Amino acid sequence: MATNKKSTAARDTRIADNKKAIFNYHIEERYECGMVLEGWEVKALREGKVQLTDGYVLIREGELFLIGCQVNPLRGVSPFVRADSARIKKLLLHREEIRRLIGKVEQKGYTLVPLNLHWKNGRVKCEIALAKGKAEHDKRDTIKEREGKREVERAMKNRNR
């Protein structure tokens, strides 16, 4: 039976983006990981109650963990559930990929940062990136490029009037 592409595209939506990571780091490689979440966290993610900007990925004993990602609980959380908004979340990735990441992260200047959280086939996925920190002049170049693009767009818009 054929599936409708519009219905699958509607389910594959972004929950949160880490725009700061793209500004502060040069992105080398991207990986898509699963996440181990509790029920109240999934409900809060559906409502968009998440902050990803201060998050980072740490490797402990051959496993990946997302630290600093704030998932704020909803008001209607059961009183029997202890909702910790700063809970450390385990990321799921194939063992071979984790080994490859360990080797690369041990090199000087490389780190793992979360880029976004999104839905994929009804499950929450986290896109992480192997990244290298930008120097101050690189950040200035990024700002210059962005402002140049805005000026070009403004000029084209005014020209079309």
N, C-alpha and C. Protein backbone atom coordinates (compact mmCIF):
# COMPACT_ATOMS: atom_id res chain seq x y z
N MET A 1 0.84 -1.17 0.00
CA MET A 1 0.00 0.00 0.00
C MET A 1 0.89 1.24 0.00
N ALA A 2 0.63 2.18 -0.84
CA ALA A 2 1.44 3.40 -0.94
C ALA A 2 1.10 4.35 0.20
N THR A 3 2.13 5.04 0.69
CA THR A 3 1.89 6.01 1.75
C THR A 3 1.81 7.40 1.16
N ASN A 4 1.05 8.24 1.80
CA ASN A 4 0.89 9.62 1.37
C ASN A 4 2.07 10.44 1.89
N LYS A 5 2.78 11.11 0.99
CA LYS A 5 3.96 11.87 1.39
C LYS A 5 3.61 13.07 2.25
N LYS A 6 2.45 13.66 2.05
CA LYS A 6 2.05 14.81 2.85
C LYS A 6 1.85 14.41 4.31
N SER A 7 1.29 13.25 4.55
CA SER A 7 1.04 12.84 5.93
C SER A 7 2.36 12.52 6.65
N THR A 8 3.34 11.94 5.96
CA THR A 8 4.62 11.68 6.60
C THR A 8 5.40 12.96 6.82
N ALA A 9 5.26 13.93 5.90
CA ALA A 9 5.96 15.20 6.06
C ALA A 9 5.38 15.99 7.23
N ALA A 10 4.10 15.86 7.45
CA ALA A 10 3.47 16.58 8.56
C ALA A 10 3.96 16.04 9.90
N ARG A 11 4.26 14.74 9.96
CA ARG A 11 4.73 14.15 11.22
C ARG A 11 6.20 14.44 11.48
N ASP A 12 6.99 14.68 10.45
CA ASP A 12 8.42 14.93 10.61
C ASP A 12 8.65 16.43 10.81
N THR A 13 8.30 16.93 11.98
CA THR A 13 8.41 18.36 12.24
C THR A 13 9.46 18.63 13.31
N ARG A 14 9.98 19.83 13.29
CA ARG A 14 10.99 20.24 14.27
C ARG A 14 10.33 20.66 15.57
N ILE A 15 10.96 20.31 16.65
CA ILE A 15 10.49 20.69 17.97
C ILE A 15 11.25 21.92 18.44
N ALA A 16 12.59 21.85 18.34
CA ALA A 16 13.43 22.96 18.79
C ALA A 16 14.72 22.97 17.99
N ASP A 17 15.24 24.18 17.74
CA ASP A 17 16.50 24.36 17.04
C ASP A 17 17.51 25.02 17.97
N ASN A 18 18.79 24.72 17.74
CA ASN A 18 19.87 25.35 18.48
C ASN A 18 20.61 26.26 17.50
N LYS A 19 20.09 27.47 17.32
CA LYS A 19 20.68 28.40 16.36
C LYS A 19 22.05 28.89 16.83
N LYS A 20 22.24 28.89 18.13
CA LYS A 20 23.51 29.34 18.70
C LYS A 20 24.66 28.41 18.30
N ALA A 21 24.37 27.12 18.15
CA ALA A 21 25.41 26.15 17.80
C ALA A 21 25.98 26.43 16.41
N ILE A 22 25.13 26.78 15.46
CA ILE A 22 25.59 27.04 14.11
C ILE A 22 26.42 28.32 14.07
N PHE A 23 26.09 29.28 14.93
CA PHE A 23 26.85 30.53 14.99
C PHE A 23 28.20 30.33 15.68
N ASN A 24 28.26 29.49 16.72
CA ASN A 24 29.47 29.33 17.52
C ASN A 24 30.42 28.24 17.05
N TYR A 25 29.97 27.34 16.16
CA TYR A 25 30.79 26.20 15.76
C TYR A 25 30.80 26.01 14.25
N HIS A 26 31.89 25.43 13.75
CA HIS A 26 31.96 24.93 12.39
C HIS A 26 31.44 23.49 12.45
N ILE A 27 30.40 23.18 11.72
CA ILE A 27 29.79 21.86 11.75
C ILE A 27 30.55 20.95 10.78
N GLU A 28 31.10 19.86 11.30
CA GLU A 28 31.85 18.91 10.48
C GLU A 28 30.95 17.77 9.98
N GLU A 29 30.32 17.05 10.91
CA GLU A 29 29.46 15.92 10.56
C GLU A 29 28.19 15.97 11.39
N ARG A 30 27.11 15.43 10.84
CA ARG A 30 25.82 15.40 11.54
C ARG A 30 25.39 13.95 11.75
N TYR A 31 24.76 13.70 12.90
CA TYR A 31 24.24 12.37 13.23
C TYR A 31 22.84 12.53 13.79
N GLU A 32 21.98 11.54 13.51
CA GLU A 32 20.63 11.53 14.06
C GLU A 32 20.55 10.44 15.11
N CYS A 33 20.18 10.83 16.33
CA CYS A 33 20.12 9.91 17.47
C CYS A 33 18.70 9.80 17.99
N GLY A 34 18.39 8.65 18.54
CA GLY A 34 17.16 8.50 19.29
C GLY A 34 17.37 9.02 20.70
N MET A 35 16.30 9.19 21.45
CA MET A 35 16.40 9.70 22.82
C MET A 35 15.59 8.82 23.76
N VAL A 36 16.11 8.64 24.98
CA VAL A 36 15.38 7.93 26.02
C VAL A 36 14.67 9.00 26.84
N LEU A 37 13.33 9.01 26.77
CA LEU A 37 12.54 10.03 27.44
C LEU A 37 11.50 9.40 28.34
N GLU A 38 11.04 10.18 29.31
CA GLU A 38 9.92 9.76 30.15
C GLU A 38 8.63 10.30 29.52
N GLY A 39 7.50 9.77 29.98
CA GLY A 39 6.22 10.14 29.38
C GLY A 39 5.91 11.62 29.48
N TRP A 40 6.17 12.23 30.64
CA TRP A 40 5.86 13.65 30.80
C TRP A 40 6.74 14.52 29.90
N GLU A 41 7.95 14.03 29.59
CA GLU A 41 8.84 14.79 28.70
C GLU A 41 8.30 14.79 27.27
N VAL A 42 7.77 13.66 26.84
CA VAL A 42 7.20 13.58 25.49
C VAL A 42 6.01 14.52 25.37
N LYS A 43 5.17 14.56 26.39
CA LYS A 43 4.02 15.46 26.36
C LYS A 43 4.46 16.92 26.33
N ALA A 44 5.51 17.25 27.10
CA ALA A 44 6.02 18.62 27.10
C ALA A 44 6.65 18.97 25.76
N LEU A 45 7.31 18.01 25.11
CA LEU A 45 7.90 18.25 23.79
C LEU A 45 6.81 18.51 22.75
N ARG A 46 5.68 17.83 22.87
CA ARG A 46 4.57 18.07 21.94
C ARG A 46 4.07 19.50 22.06
N GLU A 47 4.16 20.06 23.25
CA GLU A 47 3.75 21.45 23.49
C GLU A 47 4.86 22.45 23.20
N GLY A 48 6.07 21.97 22.90
CA GLY A 48 7.20 22.85 22.57
C GLY A 48 7.88 23.46 23.77
N LYS A 49 7.77 22.84 24.93
CA LYS A 49 8.35 23.38 26.16
C LYS A 49 9.77 22.87 26.35
N VAL A 50 10.67 23.23 25.45
CA VAL A 50 12.05 22.75 25.51
C VAL A 50 13.00 23.88 25.12
N GLN A 51 14.17 23.89 25.77
CA GLN A 51 15.23 24.83 25.44
C GLN A 51 16.49 24.04 25.18
N LEU A 52 17.08 24.22 24.02
CA LEU A 52 18.21 23.41 23.58
C LEU A 52 19.51 24.22 23.51
N THR A 53 19.46 25.52 23.70
CA THR A 53 20.62 26.37 23.44
C THR A 53 21.81 26.10 24.35
N ASP A 54 21.58 25.72 25.58
CA ASP A 54 22.68 25.48 26.52
C ASP A 54 23.10 24.02 26.56
N GLY A 55 22.54 23.20 25.71
CA GLY A 55 22.82 21.77 25.75
C GLY A 55 24.13 21.39 25.08
N TYR A 56 24.69 20.29 25.56
CA TYR A 56 25.87 19.71 24.94
C TYR A 56 25.83 18.20 25.14
N VAL A 57 26.64 17.49 24.36
CA VAL A 57 26.64 16.03 24.39
C VAL A 57 27.94 15.57 25.03
N LEU A 58 27.82 14.61 25.95
CA LEU A 58 28.97 14.08 26.66
C LEU A 58 29.02 12.57 26.45
N ILE A 59 30.23 12.04 26.34
CA ILE A 59 30.41 10.59 26.18
C ILE A 59 30.93 10.03 27.50
N ARG A 60 30.17 9.09 28.07
CA ARG A 60 30.56 8.43 29.31
C ARG A 60 30.44 6.92 29.12
N GLU A 61 31.52 6.21 29.34
CA GLU A 61 31.54 4.75 29.29
C GLU A 61 30.92 4.21 27.99
N GLY A 62 31.25 4.84 26.88
CA GLY A 62 30.77 4.37 25.59
C GLY A 62 29.32 4.68 25.29
N GLU A 63 28.71 5.61 26.03
CA GLU A 63 27.33 6.00 25.79
C GLU A 63 27.26 7.52 25.66
N LEU A 64 26.28 8.00 24.90
CA LEU A 64 26.09 9.43 24.70
C LEU A 64 24.99 9.95 25.60
N PHE A 65 25.22 11.13 26.19
CA PHE A 65 24.24 11.76 27.06
C PHE A 65 24.07 13.22 26.67
N LEU A 66 22.82 13.68 26.66
CA LEU A 66 22.51 15.07 26.38
C LEU A 66 22.34 15.80 27.72
N ILE A 67 23.19 16.80 27.95
CA ILE A 67 23.20 17.53 29.21
C ILE A 67 22.85 18.98 28.92
N GLY A 68 22.10 19.59 29.80
CA GLY A 68 21.78 21.01 29.68
C GLY A 68 20.56 21.31 28.83
N CYS A 69 19.86 20.30 28.39
CA CYS A 69 18.63 20.49 27.62
C CYS A 69 17.47 20.59 28.62
N GLN A 70 16.80 21.72 28.64
CA GLN A 70 15.71 21.96 29.59
C GLN A 70 14.38 21.57 28.97
N VAL A 71 13.70 20.62 29.58
CA VAL A 71 12.33 20.26 29.19
C VAL A 71 11.45 20.64 30.36
N ASN A 72 10.68 21.70 30.18
CA ASN A 72 9.83 22.20 31.26
C ASN A 72 8.54 21.40 31.34
N PRO A 73 8.21 20.90 32.53
CA PRO A 73 7.00 20.07 32.66
C PRO A 73 5.73 20.89 32.48
N LEU A 74 4.69 20.23 32.04
CA LEU A 74 3.38 20.86 31.92
C LEU A 74 2.77 21.00 33.31
N ARG A 75 1.75 21.83 33.41
CA ARG A 75 1.09 22.03 34.70
C ARG A 75 0.36 20.78 35.16
N GLY A 76 -0.17 20.03 34.25
CA GLY A 76 -1.00 18.88 34.59
C GLY A 76 -0.23 17.59 34.81
N VAL A 77 1.06 17.66 35.15
CA VAL A 77 1.84 16.44 35.37
C VAL A 77 1.32 15.76 36.64
N SER A 78 1.25 14.47 36.59
CA SER A 78 0.76 13.69 37.72
C SER A 78 1.57 14.00 38.99
N PRO A 79 0.92 14.06 40.14
CA PRO A 79 1.66 14.32 41.39
C PRO A 79 2.57 13.16 41.79
N PHE A 80 2.39 12.01 41.17
CA PHE A 80 3.20 10.85 41.50
C PHE A 80 4.51 10.82 40.72
N VAL A 81 4.62 11.68 39.70
CA VAL A 81 5.81 11.75 38.87
C VAL A 81 6.66 12.92 39.32
N ARG A 82 7.94 12.65 39.55
CA ARG A 82 8.87 13.72 39.92
C ARG A 82 9.49 14.26 38.63
N ALA A 83 9.05 15.43 38.22
CA ALA A 83 9.50 16.02 36.95
C ALA A 83 10.75 16.86 37.19
N ASP A 84 11.89 16.42 36.63
CA ASP A 84 13.14 17.14 36.74
C ASP A 84 13.44 17.75 35.36
N SER A 85 13.37 19.07 35.25
CA SER A 85 13.52 19.71 33.94
C SER A 85 14.94 19.62 33.40
N ALA A 86 15.94 19.44 34.27
CA ALA A 86 17.34 19.39 33.81
C ALA A 86 17.88 17.96 33.81
N ARG A 87 17.00 16.99 33.66
CA ARG A 87 17.42 15.59 33.68
C ARG A 87 18.37 15.29 32.53
N ILE A 88 19.37 14.46 32.79
CA ILE A 88 20.31 14.04 31.76
C ILE A 88 19.62 12.97 30.91
N LYS A 89 19.62 13.18 29.59
CA LYS A 89 18.93 12.27 28.69
C LYS A 89 19.93 11.44 27.90
N LYS A 90 19.66 10.15 27.81
CA LYS A 90 20.54 9.25 27.07
C LYS A 90 20.19 9.31 25.59
N LEU A 91 21.23 9.35 24.75
CA LEU A 91 21.04 9.35 23.30
C LEU A 91 21.38 7.96 22.76
N LEU A 92 20.64 7.53 21.77
CA LEU A 92 20.79 6.20 21.19
C LEU A 92 21.43 6.30 19.82
N LEU A 93 22.57 5.62 19.65
CA LEU A 93 23.30 5.63 18.40
C LEU A 93 23.99 4.28 18.27
N HIS A 94 24.28 3.84 17.07
CA HIS A 94 24.95 2.57 16.87
C HIS A 94 26.34 2.58 17.49
N ARG A 95 26.76 1.43 18.00
CA ARG A 95 28.03 1.32 18.70
C ARG A 95 29.22 1.74 17.83
N GLU A 96 29.18 1.38 16.55
CA GLU A 96 30.28 1.74 15.64
C GLU A 96 30.38 3.25 15.47
N GLU A 97 29.22 3.91 15.38
CA GLU A 97 29.21 5.37 15.25
C GLU A 97 29.73 6.04 16.52
N ILE A 98 29.38 5.48 17.67
CA ILE A 98 29.87 6.04 18.94
C ILE A 98 31.38 5.90 19.02
N ARG A 99 31.91 4.74 18.62
CA ARG A 99 33.38 4.55 18.63
C ARG A 99 34.06 5.56 17.72
N ARG A 100 33.50 5.79 16.55
CA ARG A 100 34.05 6.76 15.61
C ARG A 100 34.04 8.16 16.22
N LEU A 101 32.93 8.49 16.90
CA LEU A 101 32.82 9.81 17.54
C LEU A 101 33.82 9.97 18.68
N ILE A 102 34.04 8.91 19.45
CA ILE A 102 35.00 8.99 20.56
C ILE A 102 36.37 9.34 20.02
N GLY A 103 36.78 8.69 18.94
CA GLY A 103 38.08 8.98 18.35
C GLY A 103 38.19 10.42 17.86
N LYS A 104 37.12 10.95 17.29
CA LYS A 104 37.16 12.30 16.76
C LYS A 104 37.06 13.36 17.85
N VAL A 105 36.29 13.09 18.90
CA VAL A 105 36.13 14.06 19.99
C VAL A 105 37.42 14.19 20.79
N GLU A 106 38.23 13.13 20.84
CA GLU A 106 39.49 13.19 21.57
C GLU A 106 40.50 14.10 20.88
N GLN A 107 40.29 14.40 19.59
CA GLN A 107 41.17 15.35 18.90
C GLN A 107 40.94 16.75 19.46
N LYS A 108 41.96 17.55 19.40
CA LYS A 108 41.89 18.89 19.98
C LYS A 108 40.87 19.77 19.26
N GLY A 109 40.01 20.40 20.04
CA GLY A 109 39.07 21.38 19.50
C GLY A 109 37.73 20.85 19.06
N TYR A 110 37.52 19.53 19.03
CA TYR A 110 36.25 18.98 18.59
C TYR A 110 35.33 18.72 19.77
N THR A 111 34.04 18.93 19.54
CA THR A 111 33.03 18.68 20.56
C THR A 111 31.75 18.21 19.88
N LEU A 112 30.82 17.72 20.67
CA LEU A 112 29.51 17.29 20.16
C LEU A 112 28.45 18.26 20.67
N VAL A 113 27.67 18.81 19.77
CA VAL A 113 26.62 19.75 20.15
C VAL A 113 25.29 19.31 19.54
N PRO A 114 24.19 19.51 20.28
CA PRO A 114 22.88 19.20 19.70
C PRO A 114 22.45 20.32 18.76
N LEU A 115 21.93 19.97 17.59
CA LEU A 115 21.47 20.97 16.63
C LEU A 115 19.96 21.18 16.69
N ASN A 116 19.21 20.09 16.77
CA ASN A 116 17.76 20.23 16.85
C ASN A 116 17.12 18.97 17.40
N LEU A 117 15.88 19.12 17.81
CA LEU A 117 15.02 17.99 18.18
C LEU A 117 13.88 17.98 17.17
N HIS A 118 13.52 16.80 16.70
CA HIS A 118 12.45 16.70 15.73
C HIS A 118 11.74 15.36 15.86
N TRP A 119 10.53 15.31 15.28
CA TRP A 119 9.75 14.08 15.24
C TRP A 119 10.09 13.34 13.96
N LYS A 120 10.25 12.03 14.08
CA LYS A 120 10.43 11.19 12.90
C LYS A 120 9.67 9.89 13.14
N ASN A 121 8.65 9.68 12.37
CA ASN A 121 7.79 8.50 12.50
C ASN A 121 7.25 8.33 13.92
N GLY A 122 6.84 9.43 14.52
CA GLY A 122 6.23 9.39 15.84
C GLY A 122 7.22 9.28 16.99
N ARG A 123 8.51 9.37 16.72
CA ARG A 123 9.53 9.29 17.77
C ARG A 123 10.36 10.56 17.77
N VAL A 124 10.87 10.90 18.95
CA VAL A 124 11.71 12.09 19.07
C VAL A 124 13.14 11.73 18.70
N LYS A 125 13.70 12.51 17.81
CA LYS A 125 15.09 12.32 17.39
C LYS A 125 15.87 13.60 17.70
N CYS A 126 17.14 13.42 17.99
CA CYS A 126 18.02 14.55 18.25
C CYS A 126 19.13 14.53 17.20
N GLU A 127 19.29 15.63 16.51
CA GLU A 127 20.38 15.73 15.54
C GLU A 127 21.57 16.37 16.25
N ILE A 128 22.68 15.62 16.32
CA ILE A 128 23.88 16.14 16.95
C ILE A 128 24.94 16.35 15.87
N ALA A 129 25.94 17.16 16.20
CA ALA A 129 26.97 17.45 15.22
C ALA A 129 28.34 17.38 15.87
N LEU A 130 29.30 16.86 15.12
CA LEU A 130 30.70 16.94 15.49
C LEU A 130 31.15 18.32 15.02
N ALA A 131 31.58 19.16 15.96
CA ALA A 131 31.84 20.55 15.62
C ALA A 131 33.16 21.02 16.21
N LYS A 132 33.68 22.06 15.59
CA LYS A 132 34.91 22.70 16.06
C LYS A 132 34.57 24.16 16.32
N GLY A 133 35.01 24.68 17.46
CA GLY A 133 34.68 26.04 17.85
C GLY A 133 35.22 27.08 16.89
N LYS A 134 34.42 28.14 16.69
CA LYS A 134 34.84 29.23 15.81
C LYS A 134 35.64 30.24 16.62
N ALA A 135 36.59 30.88 15.96
CA ALA A 135 37.31 31.98 16.57
C ALA A 135 36.46 33.24 16.44
N GLU A 136 36.84 34.30 17.15
CA GLU A 136 36.06 35.54 17.14
C GLU A 136 35.96 36.13 15.74
N HIS A 137 37.05 36.09 14.97
CA HIS A 137 37.00 36.67 13.62
C HIS A 137 36.09 35.86 12.69
N ASP A 138 35.97 34.55 12.93
CA ASP A 138 35.05 33.74 12.13
C ASP A 138 33.61 34.14 12.39
N LYS A 139 33.30 34.45 13.65
CA LYS A 139 31.94 34.88 13.99
C LYS A 139 31.64 36.22 13.32
N ARG A 140 32.64 37.12 13.28
CA ARG A 140 32.44 38.41 12.62
C ARG A 140 32.18 38.22 11.12
N ASP A 141 32.90 37.26 10.51
CA ASP A 141 32.68 36.97 9.09
C ASP A 141 31.27 36.45 8.84
N THR A 142 30.77 35.63 9.76
CA THR A 142 29.41 35.11 9.64
C THR A 142 28.40 36.24 9.69
N ILE A 143 28.60 37.17 10.62
CA ILE A 143 27.69 38.32 10.74
C ILE A 143 27.75 39.17 9.48
N LYS A 144 28.96 39.39 8.95
CA LYS A 144 29.14 40.19 7.73
C LYS A 144 28.41 39.56 6.55
N GLU A 145 28.53 38.24 6.39
CA GLU A 145 27.85 37.54 5.31
C GLU A 145 26.33 37.66 5.43
N ARG A 146 25.84 37.50 6.65
CA ARG A 146 24.40 37.57 6.89
C ARG A 146 23.87 38.97 6.56
N GLU A 147 24.60 40.02 6.99
CA GLU A 147 24.17 41.39 6.70
C GLU A 147 24.24 41.69 5.20
N GLY A 148 25.25 41.14 4.53
CA GLY A 148 25.36 41.32 3.08
C GLY A 148 24.18 40.71 2.35
N LYS A 149 23.76 39.52 2.78
CA LYS A 149 22.60 38.88 2.16
C LYS A 149 21.34 39.71 2.38
N ARG A 150 21.19 40.28 3.57
CA ARG A 150 20.02 41.10 3.86
C ARG A 150 19.99 42.34 2.96
N GLU A 151 21.14 42.97 2.78
CA GLU A 151 21.20 44.16 1.92
C GLU A 151 20.84 43.83 0.48
N VAL A 152 21.33 42.69 -0.01
CA VAL A 152 20.99 42.28 -1.37
C VAL A 152 19.49 42.02 -1.49
N GLU A 153 18.90 41.36 -0.50
CA GLU A 153 17.45 41.10 -0.53
C GLU A 153 16.66 42.40 -0.51
N ARG A 154 17.09 43.37 0.31
CA ARG A 154 16.41 44.66 0.37
C ARG A 154 16.49 45.38 -0.98
N ALA A 155 17.68 45.35 -1.58
CA ALA A 155 17.85 46.02 -2.87
C ALA A 155 16.98 45.37 -3.95
N MET A 156 16.91 44.05 -3.95
CA MET A 156 16.07 43.35 -4.92
C MET A 156 14.60 43.66 -4.68
N LYS A 157 14.21 43.76 -3.42
CA LYS A 157 12.82 44.04 -3.09
C LYS A 157 12.45 45.46 -3.55
N ASN A 158 13.34 46.43 -3.30
CA ASN A 158 13.09 47.80 -3.71
C ASN A 158 13.10 47.94 -5.23
N ARG A 159 13.93 47.15 -5.90
CA ARG A 159 14.03 47.21 -7.35
C ARG A 159 12.75 46.67 -8.00
N ASN A 160 12.15 45.66 -7.38
CA ASN A 160 10.95 45.05 -7.94
C ASN A 160 9.71 45.90 -7.75
N ARG A 161 9.77 46.93 -6.94
CA ARG A 161 8.59 47.77 -6.70
C ARG A 161 8.28 48.66 -7.82
